[in-house]
Amino acid sequence: MQPDDLDYQLLSQIANQQNANQRDLASRLGVSVGKVNYCLRAVVDRGWVKVNNFRRADNKWAYAYVLTPGGASAKLQLARAFLERKEREFEQLQDEISMLRGEVSQDQTAE
């Protein structure tokens, strides 16, 4: 997974569920809590996410991650780049599949 992919997925998760904690985010993204913490700090430093911490009776330290307008814009740019890369990968896979089908059909006619 490329770093931009993780940023995009993290921003998407935050946009969909602001009250998720780092453990939940790590589980959904398939990475360690430490990696989520590192990535969260990076997107906060870039101004893409705002962190609100507040005290509640049942949870002494709770955090709400909120996408900023800059974060929403960055998410859109990352989504475009992600889509372009996946479309290129898809086209390459289609070419490879076509070539393999040709090889298999040649092998079957040779038998």
PDB file of N, CA and C in Angstrom:
ATOM      1  N   MET A   1       0.844  -1.170   0.000  1.00  0.00           N
ATOM      2  CA  MET A   1       0.000   0.000   0.000  1.00  0.00           C
ATOM      3  C   MET A   1       0.897   1.244   0.000  1.00  0.00           C
ATOM      4  N   GLN A   2       0.588   2.155  -0.862  1.00  0.00           N
ATOM      5  CA  GLN A   2       1.355   3.390  -0.954  1.00  0.00           C
ATOM      6  C   GLN A   2       0.904   4.354   0.142  1.00  0.00           C
ATOM      7  N   PRO A   3       1.816   5.236   0.588  1.00  0.00           N
ATOM      8  CA  PRO A   3       1.446   6.174   1.664  1.00  0.00           C
ATOM      9  C   PRO A   3       0.205   7.007   1.339  1.00  0.00           C
ATOM     10  N   ASP A   4       0.090   7.467   0.100  1.00  0.00           N
ATOM     11  CA  ASP A   4      -1.090   8.253  -0.276  1.00  0.00           C
ATOM     12  C   ASP A   4      -2.366   7.429  -0.171  1.00  0.00           C
ATOM     13  N   ASP A   5      -2.267   6.123  -0.458  1.00  0.00           N
ATOM     14  CA  ASP A   5      -3.433   5.254  -0.344  1.00  0.00           C
ATOM     15  C   ASP A   5      -3.924   5.214   1.094  1.00  0.00           C
ATOM     16  N   LEU A   6      -2.987   5.091   2.030  1.00  0.00           N
ATOM     17  CA  LEU A   6      -3.367   5.042   3.440  1.00  0.00           C
ATOM     18  C   LEU A   6      -3.950   6.378   3.887  1.00  0.00           C
ATOM     19  N   ASP A   7      -3.356   7.478   3.430  1.00  0.00           N
ATOM     20  CA  ASP A   7      -3.921   8.794   3.756  1.00  0.00           C
ATOM     21  C   ASP A   7      -5.350   8.898   3.244  1.00  0.00           C
ATOM     22  N   TYR A   8      -5.563   8.471   2.003  1.00  0.00           N
ATOM     23  CA  TYR A   8      -6.905   8.535   1.414  1.00  0.00           C
ATOM     24  C   TYR A   8      -7.885   7.682   2.225  1.00  0.00           C
ATOM     25  N   GLN A   9      -7.486   6.452   2.540  1.00  0.00           N
ATOM     26  CA  GLN A   9      -8.378   5.567   3.275  1.00  0.00           C
ATOM     27  C   GLN A   9      -8.651   6.094   4.678  1.00  0.00           C
ATOM     28  N   LEU A  10      -7.632   6.670   5.307  1.00  0.00           N
ATOM     29  CA  LEU A  10      -7.809   7.245   6.640  1.00  0.00           C
ATOM     30  C   LEU A  10      -8.778   8.431   6.591  1.00  0.00           C
ATOM     31  N   LEU A  11      -8.592   9.316   5.625  1.00  0.00           N
ATOM     32  CA  LEU A  11      -9.503  10.466   5.487  1.00  0.00           C
ATOM     33  C   LEU A  11     -10.927   9.996   5.202  1.00  0.00           C
ATOM     34  N   SER A  12     -11.060   8.956   4.398  1.00  0.00           N
ATOM     35  CA  SER A  12     -12.393   8.419   4.098  1.00  0.00           C
ATOM     36  C   SER A  12     -13.057   7.862   5.348  1.00  0.00           C
ATOM     37  N   GLN A  13     -12.295   7.130   6.149  1.00  0.00           N
ATOM     38  CA  GLN A  13     -12.842   6.570   7.381  1.00  0.00           C
ATOM     39  C   GLN A  13     -13.268   7.680   8.344  1.00  0.00           C
ATOM     40  N   ILE A  14     -12.440   8.715   8.443  1.00  0.00           N
ATOM     41  CA  ILE A  14     -12.768   9.836   9.332  1.00  0.00           C
ATOM     42  C   ILE A  14     -14.008  10.568   8.827  1.00  0.00           C
ATOM     43  N   ALA A  15     -14.118  10.739   7.522  1.00  0.00           N
ATOM     44  CA  ALA A  15     -15.287  11.410   6.957  1.00  0.00           C
ATOM     45  C   ALA A  15     -16.558  10.612   7.236  1.00  0.00           C
ATOM     46  N   ASN A  16     -16.452   9.284   7.222  1.00  0.00           N
ATOM     47  CA  ASN A  16     -17.626   8.433   7.433  1.00  0.00           C
ATOM     48  C   ASN A  16     -17.980   8.235   8.896  1.00  0.00           C
ATOM     49  N   GLN A  17     -16.956   8.243   9.764  1.00  0.00           N
ATOM     50  CA  GLN A  17     -17.224   7.992  11.176  1.00  0.00           C
ATOM     51  C   GLN A  17     -16.237   8.798  12.020  1.00  0.00           C
ATOM     52  N   GLN A  18     -16.645   9.965  12.460  1.00  0.00           N
ATOM     53  CA  GLN A  18     -15.762  10.880  13.178  1.00  0.00           C
ATOM     54  C   GLN A  18     -15.417  10.415  14.584  1.00  0.00           C
ATOM     55  N   ASN A  19     -16.253   9.610  15.194  1.00  0.00           N
ATOM     56  CA  ASN A  19     -15.998   9.216  16.577  1.00  0.00           C
ATOM     57  C   ASN A  19     -15.222   7.908  16.692  1.00  0.00           C
ATOM     58  N   ALA A  20     -14.585   7.469  15.625  1.00  0.00           N
ATOM     59  CA  ALA A  20     -13.795   6.245  15.674  1.00  0.00           C
ATOM     60  C   ALA A  20     -12.501   6.501  16.440  1.00  0.00           C
ATOM     61  N   ASN A  21     -12.083   5.514  17.204  1.00  0.00           N
ATOM     62  CA  ASN A  21     -10.810   5.647  17.886  1.00  0.00           C
ATOM     63  C   ASN A  21      -9.695   5.014  17.030  1.00  0.00           C
ATOM     64  N   GLN A  22      -8.467   5.181  17.464  1.00  0.00           N
ATOM     65  CA  GLN A  22      -7.347   4.708  16.669  1.00  0.00           C
ATOM     66  C   GLN A  22      -7.366   3.191  16.500  1.00  0.00           C
ATOM     67  N   ARG A  23      -7.805   2.476  17.504  1.00  0.00           N
ATOM     68  CA  ARG A  23      -7.878   1.015  17.402  1.00  0.00           C
ATOM     69  C   ARG A  23      -8.897   0.597  16.337  1.00  0.00           C
ATOM     70  N   ASP A  24     -10.041   1.256  16.322  1.00  0.00           N
ATOM     71  CA  ASP A  24     -11.063   0.970  15.300  1.00  0.00           C
ATOM     72  C   ASP A  24     -10.531   1.287  13.905  1.00  0.00           C
ATOM     73  N   LEU A  25      -9.897   2.439  13.774  1.00  0.00           N
ATOM     74  CA  LEU A  25      -9.341   2.831  12.478  1.00  0.00           C
ATOM     75  C   LEU A  25      -8.293   1.820  12.013  1.00  0.00           C
ATOM     76  N   ALA A  26      -7.425   1.406  12.932  1.00  0.00           N
ATOM     77  CA  ALA A  26      -6.381   0.432  12.586  1.00  0.00           C
ATOM     78  C   ALA A  26      -6.997  -0.874  12.113  1.00  0.00           C
ATOM     79  N   SER A  27      -8.021  -1.309  12.806  1.00  0.00           N
ATOM     80  CA  SER A  27      -8.692  -2.551  12.434  1.00  0.00           C
ATOM     81  C   SER A  27      -9.322  -2.451  11.050  1.00  0.00           C
ATOM     82  N   ARG A  28     -10.007  -1.352  10.792  1.00  0.00           N
ATOM     83  CA  ARG A  28     -10.666  -1.179   9.492  1.00  0.00           C
ATOM     84  C   ARG A  28      -9.676  -1.004   8.350  1.00  0.00           C
ATOM     85  N   LEU A  29      -8.525  -0.407   8.649  1.00  0.00           N
ATOM     86  CA  LEU A  29      -7.531  -0.161   7.602  1.00  0.00           C
ATOM     87  C   LEU A  29      -6.553  -1.314   7.452  1.00  0.00           C
ATOM     88  N   GLY A  30      -6.550  -2.232   8.398  1.00  0.00           N
ATOM     89  CA  GLY A  30      -5.651  -3.382   8.324  1.00  0.00           C
ATOM     90  C   GLY A  30      -4.195  -3.023   8.611  1.00  0.00           C
ATOM     91  N   VAL A  31      -3.975  -2.052   9.483  1.00  0.00           N
ATOM     92  CA  VAL A  31      -2.624  -1.643   9.870  1.00  0.00           C
ATOM     93  C   VAL A  31      -2.553  -1.583  11.397  1.00  0.00           C
ATOM     94  N   SER A  32      -1.348  -1.361  11.917  1.00  0.00           N
ATOM     95  CA  SER A  32      -1.174  -1.293  13.368  1.00  0.00           C
ATOM     96  C   SER A  32      -1.696   0.029  13.919  1.00  0.00           C
ATOM     97  N   VAL A  33      -1.956   0.033  15.218  1.00  0.00           N
ATOM     98  CA  VAL A  33      -2.395   1.255  15.892  1.00  0.00           C
ATOM     99  C   VAL A  33      -1.287   2.301  15.803  1.00  0.00           C
ATOM    100  N   GLY A  34      -0.040   1.873  15.913  1.00  0.00           N
ATOM    101  CA  GLY A  34       1.083   2.802  15.801  1.00  0.00           C
ATOM    102  C   GLY A  34       1.132   3.489  14.450  1.00  0.00           C
ATOM    103  N   LYS A  35       0.842   2.727  13.396  1.00  0.00           N
ATOM    104  CA  LYS A  35       0.828   3.312  12.051  1.00  0.00           C
ATOM    105  C   LYS A  35      -0.305   4.323  11.918  1.00  0.00           C
ATOM    106  N   VAL A  36      -1.466   4.000  12.460  1.00  0.00           N
ATOM    107  CA  VAL A  36      -2.592   4.939  12.426  1.00  0.00           C
ATOM    108  C   VAL A  36      -2.228   6.197  13.196  1.00  0.00           C
ATOM    109  N   ASN A  37      -1.601   6.036  14.360  1.00  0.00           N
ATOM    110  CA  ASN A  37      -1.194   7.196  15.148  1.00  0.00           C
ATOM    111  C   ASN A  37      -0.247   8.079  14.351  1.00  0.00           C
ATOM    112  N   TYR A  38       0.735   7.478  13.707  1.00  0.00           N
ATOM    113  CA  TYR A  38       1.705   8.215  12.884  1.00  0.00           C
ATOM    114  C   TYR A  38       0.999   8.957  11.746  1.00  0.00           C
ATOM    115  N   CYS A  39       0.106   8.257  11.037  1.00  0.00           N
ATOM    116  CA  CYS A  39      -0.616   8.865   9.910  1.00  0.00           C
ATOM    117  C   CYS A  39      -1.562   9.963  10.375  1.00  0.00           C
ATOM    118  N   LEU A  40      -2.217   9.751  11.509  1.00  0.00           N
ATOM    119  CA  LEU A  40      -3.105  10.784  12.047  1.00  0.00           C
ATOM    120  C   LEU A  40      -2.328  12.052  12.375  1.00  0.00           C
ATOM    121  N   ARG A  41      -1.164  11.887  12.988  1.00  0.00           N
ATOM    122  CA  ARG A  41      -0.342  13.064  13.299  1.00  0.00           C
ATOM    123  C   ARG A  41       0.033  13.802  12.016  1.00  0.00           C
ATOM    124  N   ALA A  42       0.338  13.047  10.964  1.00  0.00           N
ATOM    125  CA  ALA A  42       0.727  13.667   9.695  1.00  0.00           C
ATOM    126  C   ALA A  42      -0.434  14.453   9.082  1.00  0.00           C
ATOM    127  N   VAL A  43      -1.633  13.879   9.068  1.00  0.00           N
ATOM    128  CA  VAL A  43      -2.767  14.594   8.461  1.00  0.00           C
ATOM    129  C   VAL A  43      -3.211  15.764   9.337  1.00  0.00           C
ATOM    130  N   VAL A  44      -3.024  15.656  10.639  1.00  0.00           N
ATOM    131  CA  VAL A  44      -3.310  16.786  11.528  1.00  0.00           C
ATOM    132  C   VAL A  44      -2.305  17.902  11.268  1.00  0.00           C
ATOM    133  N   ASP A  45      -1.026  17.534  11.144  1.00  0.00           N
ATOM    134  CA  ASP A  45       0.020  18.540  10.873  1.00  0.00           C
ATOM    135  C   ASP A  45      -0.216  19.252   9.540  1.00  0.00           C
ATOM    136  N   ARG A  46      -0.772  18.539   8.563  1.00  0.00           N
ATOM    137  CA  ARG A  46      -1.068  19.143   7.255  1.00  0.00           C
ATOM    138  C   ARG A  46      -2.323  20.011   7.304  1.00  0.00           C
ATOM    139  N   GLY A  47      -3.057  19.926   8.393  1.00  0.00           N
ATOM    140  CA  GLY A  47      -4.285  20.713   8.527  1.00  0.00           C
ATOM    141  C   GLY A  47      -5.493  20.054   7.899  1.00  0.00           C
ATOM    142  N   TRP A  48      -5.401  18.765   7.591  1.00  0.00           N
ATOM    143  CA  TRP A  48      -6.506  18.052   6.953  1.00  0.00           C
ATOM    144  C   TRP A  48      -7.520  17.531   7.956  1.00  0.00           C
ATOM    145  N   VAL A  49      -7.078  17.321   9.184  1.00  0.00           N
ATOM    146  CA  VAL A  49      -7.943  16.771  10.229  1.00  0.00           C
ATOM    147  C   VAL A  49      -7.753  17.596  11.491  1.00  0.00           C
ATOM    148  N   LYS A  50      -8.856  17.852  12.150  1.00  0.00           N
ATOM    149  CA  LYS A  50      -8.828  18.549  13.433  1.00  0.00           C
ATOM    150  C   LYS A  50      -9.189  17.526  14.501  1.00  0.00           C
ATOM    151  N   VAL A  51      -8.480  17.568  15.604  1.00  0.00           N
ATOM    152  CA  VAL A  51      -8.731  16.632  16.699  1.00  0.00           C
ATOM    153  C   VAL A  51      -9.354  17.395  17.850  1.00  0.00           C
ATOM    154  N   ASN A  52     -10.510  16.952  18.244  1.00  0.00           N
ATOM    155  CA  ASN A  52     -11.174  17.515  19.419  1.00  0.00           C
ATOM    156  C   ASN A  52     -11.142  16.455  20.507  1.00  0.00           C
ATOM    157  N   ASN A  53     -10.534  16.768  21.628  1.00  0.00           N
ATOM    158  CA  ASN A  53     -10.625  15.821  22.736  1.00  0.00           C
ATOM    159  C   ASN A  53     -11.517  16.410  23.806  1.00  0.00           C
ATOM    160  N   PHE A  54     -12.240  15.538  24.437  1.00  0.00           N
ATOM    161  CA  PHE A  54     -13.173  15.987  25.450  1.00  0.00           C
ATOM    162  C   PHE A  54     -13.284  14.908  26.511  1.00  0.00           C
ATOM    163  N   ARG A  55     -13.728  15.315  27.670  1.00  0.00           N
ATOM    164  CA  ARG A  55     -13.876  14.371  28.781  1.00  0.00           C
ATOM    165  C   ARG A  55     -15.340  13.963  28.904  1.00  0.00           C
ATOM    166  N   ARG A  56     -15.513  12.673  29.076  1.00  0.00           N
ATOM    167  CA  ARG A  56     -16.860  12.145  29.330  1.00  0.00           C
ATOM    168  C   ARG A  56     -16.797  11.303  30.593  1.00  0.00           C
ATOM    169  N   ALA A  57     -17.921  11.090  31.200  1.00  0.00           N
ATOM    170  CA  ALA A  57     -17.947  10.328  32.445  1.00  0.00           C
ATOM    171  C   ALA A  57     -17.465   8.896  32.237  1.00  0.00           C
ATOM    172  N   ASP A  58     -17.864   8.255  31.132  1.00  0.00           N
ATOM    173  CA  ASP A  58     -17.509   6.854  30.917  1.00  0.00           C
ATOM    174  C   ASP A  58     -16.170   6.681  30.201  1.00  0.00           C
ATOM    175  N   ASN A  59     -15.617   7.737  29.647  1.00  0.00           N
ATOM    176  CA  ASN A  59     -14.347   7.648  28.941  1.00  0.00           C
ATOM    177  C   ASN A  59     -13.584   8.942  29.211  1.00  0.00           C
ATOM    178  N   LYS A  60     -12.575   8.858  30.060  1.00  0.00           N
ATOM    179  CA  LYS A  60     -11.891  10.068  30.501  1.00  0.00           C
ATOM    180  C   LYS A  60     -11.271  10.859  29.349  1.00  0.00           C
ATOM    181  N   TRP A  61     -10.759  10.186  28.337  1.00  0.00           N
ATOM    182  CA  TRP A  61     -10.173  10.872  27.182  1.00  0.00           C
ATOM    183  C   TRP A  61     -10.770  10.289  25.918  1.00  0.00           C
ATOM    184  N   ALA A  62     -11.587  11.051  25.270  1.00  0.00           N
ATOM    185  CA  ALA A  62     -12.183  10.622  24.007  1.00  0.00           C
ATOM    186  C   ALA A  62     -11.804  11.651  22.949  1.00  0.00           C
ATOM    187  N   TYR A  63     -11.662  11.190  21.738  1.00  0.00           N
ATOM    188  CA  TYR A  63     -11.266  12.069  20.654  1.00  0.00           C
ATOM    189  C   TYR A  63     -12.276  12.010  19.523  1.00  0.00           C
ATOM    190  N   ALA A  64     -12.467  13.140  18.893  1.00  0.00           N
ATOM    191  CA  ALA A  64     -13.283  13.205  17.684  1.00  0.00           C
ATOM    192  C   ALA A  64     -12.383  13.737  16.590  1.00  0.00           C
ATOM    193  N   TYR A  65     -12.258  12.977  15.513  1.00  0.00           N
ATOM    194  CA  TYR A  65     -11.450  13.397  14.373  1.00  0.00           C
ATOM    195  C   TYR A  65     -12.397  13.997  13.340  1.00  0.00           C
ATOM    196  N   VAL A  66     -12.132  15.236  12.959  1.00  0.00           N
ATOM    197  CA  VAL A  66     -13.014  15.957  12.046  1.00  0.00           C
ATOM    198  C   VAL A  66     -12.225  16.386  10.823  1.00  0.00           C
ATOM    199  N   LEU A  67     -12.755  16.058   9.658  1.00  0.00           N
ATOM    200  CA  LEU A  67     -12.143  16.475   8.399  1.00  0.00           C
ATOM    201  C   LEU A  67     -12.335  17.982   8.229  1.00  0.00           C
ATOM    202  N   THR A  68     -11.263  18.684   7.950  1.00  0.00           N
ATOM    203  CA  THR A  68     -11.347  20.125   7.699  1.00  0.00           C
ATOM    204  C   THR A  68     -11.703  20.347   6.233  1.00  0.00           C
ATOM    205  N   PRO A  69     -12.064  21.564   5.844  1.00  0.00           N
ATOM    206  CA  PRO A  69     -12.297  21.828   4.420  1.00  0.00           C
ATOM    207  C   PRO A  69     -11.068  21.477   3.571  1.00  0.00           C
ATOM    208  N   GLY A  70      -9.880  21.771   4.096  1.00  0.00           N
ATOM    209  CA  GLY A  70      -8.655  21.382   3.384  1.00  0.00           C
ATOM    210  C   GLY A  70      -8.512  19.881   3.293  1.00  0.00           C
ATOM    211  N   GLY A  71      -8.949  19.181   4.331  1.00  0.00           N
ATOM    212  CA  GLY A  71      -8.917  17.716   4.329  1.00  0.00           C
ATOM    213  C   GLY A  71      -9.878  17.131   3.320  1.00  0.00           C
ATOM    214  N   ALA A  72     -11.041  17.744   3.187  1.00  0.00           N
ATOM    215  CA  ALA A  72     -12.016  17.281   2.193  1.00  0.00           C
ATOM    216  C   ALA A  72     -11.461  17.462   0.784  1.00  0.00           C
ATOM    217  N   SER A  73     -10.797  18.582   0.560  1.00  0.00           N
ATOM    218  CA  SER A  73     -10.177  18.840  -0.741  1.00  0.00           C
ATOM    219  C   SER A  73      -9.039  17.856  -1.002  1.00  0.00           C
ATOM    220  N   ALA A  74      -8.219  17.610   0.011  1.00  0.00           N
ATOM    221  CA  ALA A  74      -7.113  16.662  -0.125  1.00  0.00           C
ATOM    222  C   ALA A  74      -7.642  15.255  -0.383  1.00  0.00           C
ATOM    223  N   LYS A  75      -8.727  14.894   0.289  1.00  0.00           N
ATOM    224  CA  LYS A  75      -9.338  13.575   0.095  1.00  0.00           C
ATOM    225  C   LYS A  75      -9.775  13.409  -1.354  1.00  0.00           C
ATOM    226  N   LEU A  76     -10.352  14.437  -1.927  1.00  0.00           N
ATOM    227  CA  LEU A  76     -10.789  14.392  -3.316  1.00  0.00           C
ATOM    228  C   LEU A  76      -9.594  14.229  -4.264  1.00  0.00           C
ATOM    229  N   GLN A  77      -8.532  14.979  -4.016  1.00  0.00           N
ATOM    230  CA  GLN A  77      -7.331  14.853  -4.857  1.00  0.00           C
ATOM    231  C   GLN A  77      -6.710  13.472  -4.729  1.00  0.00           C
ATOM    232  N   LEU A  78      -6.646  12.954  -3.508  1.00  0.00           N
ATOM    233  CA  LEU A  78      -6.100  11.612  -3.298  1.00  0.00           C
ATOM    234  C   LEU A  78      -6.981  10.564  -3.960  1.00  0.00           C
ATOM    235  N   ALA A  79      -8.298  10.764  -3.924  1.00  0.00           N
ATOM    236  CA  ALA A  79      -9.222   9.824  -4.561  1.00  0.00           C
ATOM    237  C   ALA A  79      -9.005   9.803  -6.075  1.00  0.00           C
ATOM    238  N   ARG A  80      -8.804  10.971  -6.667  1.00  0.00           N
ATOM    239  CA  ARG A  80      -8.546  11.030  -8.111  1.00  0.00           C
ATOM    240  C   ARG A  80      -7.262  10.289  -8.473  1.00  0.00           C
ATOM    241  N   ALA A  81      -6.198  10.531  -7.701  1.00  0.00           N
ATOM    242  CA  ALA A  81      -4.917   9.867  -7.962  1.00  0.00           C
ATOM    243  C   ALA A  81      -5.050   8.358  -7.755  1.00  0.00           C
ATOM    244  N   PHE A  82      -5.775   7.952  -6.714  1.00  0.00           N
ATOM    245  CA  PHE A  82      -5.998   6.539  -6.431  1.00  0.00           C
ATOM    246  C   PHE A  82      -6.751   5.881  -7.580  1.00  0.00           C
ATOM    247  N   LEU A  83      -7.798   6.545  -8.059  1.00  0.00           N
ATOM    248  CA  LEU A  83      -8.592   6.019  -9.164  1.00  0.00           C
ATOM    249  C   LEU A  83      -7.757   5.886 -10.435  1.00  0.00           C
ATOM    250  N   GLU A  84      -6.968   6.900 -10.758  1.00  0.00           N
ATOM    251  CA  GLU A  84      -6.121   6.840 -11.952  1.00  0.00           C
ATOM    252  C   GLU A  84      -5.135   5.678 -11.870  1.00  0.00           C
ATOM    253  N   ARG A  85      -4.524   5.507 -10.709  1.00  0.00           N
ATOM    254  CA  ARG A  85      -3.558   4.419 -10.540  1.00  0.00           C
ATOM    255  C   ARG A  85      -4.236   3.057 -10.662  1.00  0.00           C
ATOM    256  N   LYS A  86      -5.401   2.906 -10.059  1.00  0.00           N
ATOM    257  CA  LYS A  86      -6.126   1.635 -10.126  1.00  0.00           C
ATOM    258  C   LYS A  86      -6.604   1.343 -11.546  1.00  0.00           C
ATOM    259  N   GLU A  87      -6.998   2.386 -12.296  1.00  0.00           N
ATOM    260  CA  GLU A  87      -7.403   2.180 -13.687  1.00  0.00           C
ATOM    261  C   GLU A  87      -6.222   1.713 -14.532  1.00  0.00           C
ATOM    262  N   ARG A  88      -5.032   2.288 -14.296  1.00  0.00           N
ATOM    263  CA  ARG A  88      -3.828   1.838 -15.017  1.00  0.00           C
ATOM    264  C   ARG A  88      -3.519   0.389 -14.675  1.00  0.00           C
ATOM    265  N   GLU A  89      -3.602   0.050 -13.399  1.00  0.00           N
ATOM    266  CA  GLU A  89      -3.359  -1.330 -12.972  1.00  0.00           C
ATOM    267  C   GLU A  89      -4.365  -2.270 -13.617  1.00  0.00           C
ATOM    268  N   PHE A  90      -5.626  -1.848 -13.696  1.00  0.00           N
ATOM    269  CA  PHE A  90      -6.674  -2.660 -14.304  1.00  0.00           C
ATOM    270  C   PHE A  90      -6.380  -2.908 -15.785  1.00  0.00           C
ATOM    271  N   GLU A  91      -5.961  -1.860 -16.496  1.00  0.00           N
ATOM    272  CA  GLU A  91      -5.627  -2.003 -17.920  1.00  0.00           C
ATOM    273  C   GLU A  91      -4.439  -2.947 -18.105  1.00  0.00           C
ATOM    274  N   GLN A  92      -3.442  -2.843 -17.225  1.00  0.00           N
ATOM    275  CA  GLN A  92      -2.287  -3.740 -17.312  1.00  0.00           C
ATOM    276  C   GLN A  92      -2.701  -5.177 -17.052  1.00  0.00           C
ATOM    277  N   LEU A  93      -3.585  -5.376 -16.093  1.00  0.00           N
ATOM    278  CA  LEU A  93      -4.084  -6.720 -15.811  1.00  0.00           C
ATOM    279  C   LEU A  93      -4.885  -7.274 -16.986  1.00  0.00           C
ATOM    280  N   GLN A  94      -5.686  -6.433 -17.605  1.00  0.00           N
ATOM    281  CA  GLN A  94      -6.447  -6.885 -18.770  1.00  0.00           C
ATOM    282  C   GLN A  94      -5.502  -7.323 -19.885  1.00  0.00           C
ATOM    283  N   ASP A  95      -4.434  -6.560 -20.125  1.00  0.00           N
ATOM    284  CA  ASP A  95      -3.459  -6.928 -21.147  1.00  0.00           C
ATOM    285  C   ASP A  95      -2.791  -8.254 -20.790  1.00  0.00           C
ATOM    286  N   GLU A  96      -2.414  -8.423 -19.546  1.00  0.00           N
ATOM    287  CA  GLU A  96      -1.767  -9.656 -19.097  1.00  0.00           C
ATOM    288  C   GLU A  96      -2.706 -10.846 -19.224  1.00  0.00           C
ATOM    289  N   ILE A  97      -3.968 -10.669 -18.851  1.00  0.00           N
ATOM    290  CA  ILE A  97      -4.963 -11.744 -18.971  1.00  0.00           C
ATOM    291  C   ILE A  97      -5.156 -12.122 -20.427  1.00  0.00           C
ATOM    292  N   SER A  98      -5.230 -11.127 -21.298  1.00  0.00           N
ATOM    293  CA  SER A  98      -5.389 -11.392 -22.728  1.00  0.00           C
ATOM    294  C   SER A  98      -4.212 -12.198 -23.260  1.00  0.00           C
ATOM    295  N   MET A  99      -3.011 -11.821 -22.859  1.00  0.00           N
ATOM    296  CA  MET A  99      -1.816 -12.540 -23.294  1.00  0.00           C
ATOM    297  C   MET A  99      -1.820 -13.979 -22.768  1.00  0.00           C
ATOM    298  N   LEU A 100      -2.197 -14.161 -21.528  1.00  0.00           N
ATOM    299  CA  LEU A 100      -2.254 -15.498 -20.953  1.00  0.00           C
ATOM    300  C   LEU A 100      -3.319 -16.358 -21.628  1.00  0.00           C
ATOM    301  N   ARG A 101      -4.440 -15.761 -21.960  1.00  0.00           N
ATOM    302  CA  ARG A 101      -5.486 -16.509 -22.672  1.00  0.00           C
ATOM    303  C   ARG A 101      -4.972 -16.973 -24.029  1.00  0.00           C
ATOM    304  N   GLY A 102      -4.205 -16.092 -24.687  1.00  0.00           N
ATOM    305  CA  GLY A 102      -3.611 -16.474 -25.965  1.00  0.00           C
ATOM    306  C   GLY A 102      -2.656 -17.645 -25.816  1.00  0.00           C
ATOM    307  N   GLU A 103      -1.830 -17.613 -24.784  1.00  0.00           N
ATOM    308  CA  GLU A 103      -0.901 -18.716 -24.531  1.00  0.00           C
ATOM    309  C   GLU A 103      -1.643 -20.012 -24.243  1.00  0.00           C
ATOM    310  N   VAL A 104      -2.694 -19.938 -23.428  1.00  0.00           N
ATOM    311  CA  VAL A 104      -3.452 -21.134 -23.077  1.00  0.00           C
ATOM    312  C   VAL A 104      -4.145 -21.703 -24.307  1.00  0.00           C
ATOM    313  N   SER A 105      -4.707 -20.852 -25.141  1.00  0.00           N
ATOM    314  CA  SER A 105      -5.397 -21.351 -26.344  1.00  0.00           C
ATOM    315  C   SER A 105      -4.394 -21.960 -27.314  1.00  0.00           C
ATOM    316  N   GLN A 106      -3.186 -21.404 -27.396  1.00  0.00           N
ATOM    317  CA  GLN A 106      -2.150 -22.002 -28.250  1.00  0.00           C
ATOM    318  C   GLN A 106      -1.727 -23.359 -27.722  1.00  0.00           C
ATOM    319  N   ASP A 107      -1.597 -23.484 -26.424  1.00  0.00           N
ATOM    320  CA  ASP A 107      -1.211 -24.768 -25.808  1.00  0.00           C
ATOM    321  C   ASP A 107      -2.301 -25.809 -26.030  1.00  0.00           C
ATOM    322  N   GLN A 108      -3.563 -25.407 -25.964  1.00  0.00           N
ATOM    323  CA  GLN A 108      -4.661 -26.347 -26.148  1.00  0.00           C
ATOM    324  C   GLN A 108      -4.732 -26.826 -27.597  1.00  0.00           C
ATOM    325  N   THR A 109      -4.448 -25.976 -28.561  1.00  0.00           N
ATOM    326  CA  THR A 109      -4.492 -26.399 -29.967  1.00  0.00           C
ATOM    327  C   THR A 109      -3.287 -27.261 -30.317  1.00  0.00           C
ATOM    328  N   ALA A 110      -2.183 -27.117 -29.574  1.00  0.00           N
ATOM    329  CA  ALA A 110      -0.986 -27.915 -29.835  1.00  0.00           C
ATOM    330  C   ALA A 110      -1.122 -29.332 -29.296  1.00  0.00           C
ATOM    331  N   GLU A 111      -2.039 -29.553 -28.366  1.00  0.00           N
ATOM    332  CA  GLU A 111      -2.194 -30.874 -27.754  1.00  0.00           C
ATOM    333  C   GLU A 111      -2.841 -31.833 -28.643  1.00  0.00           C
TER     334      GLU A 111
END
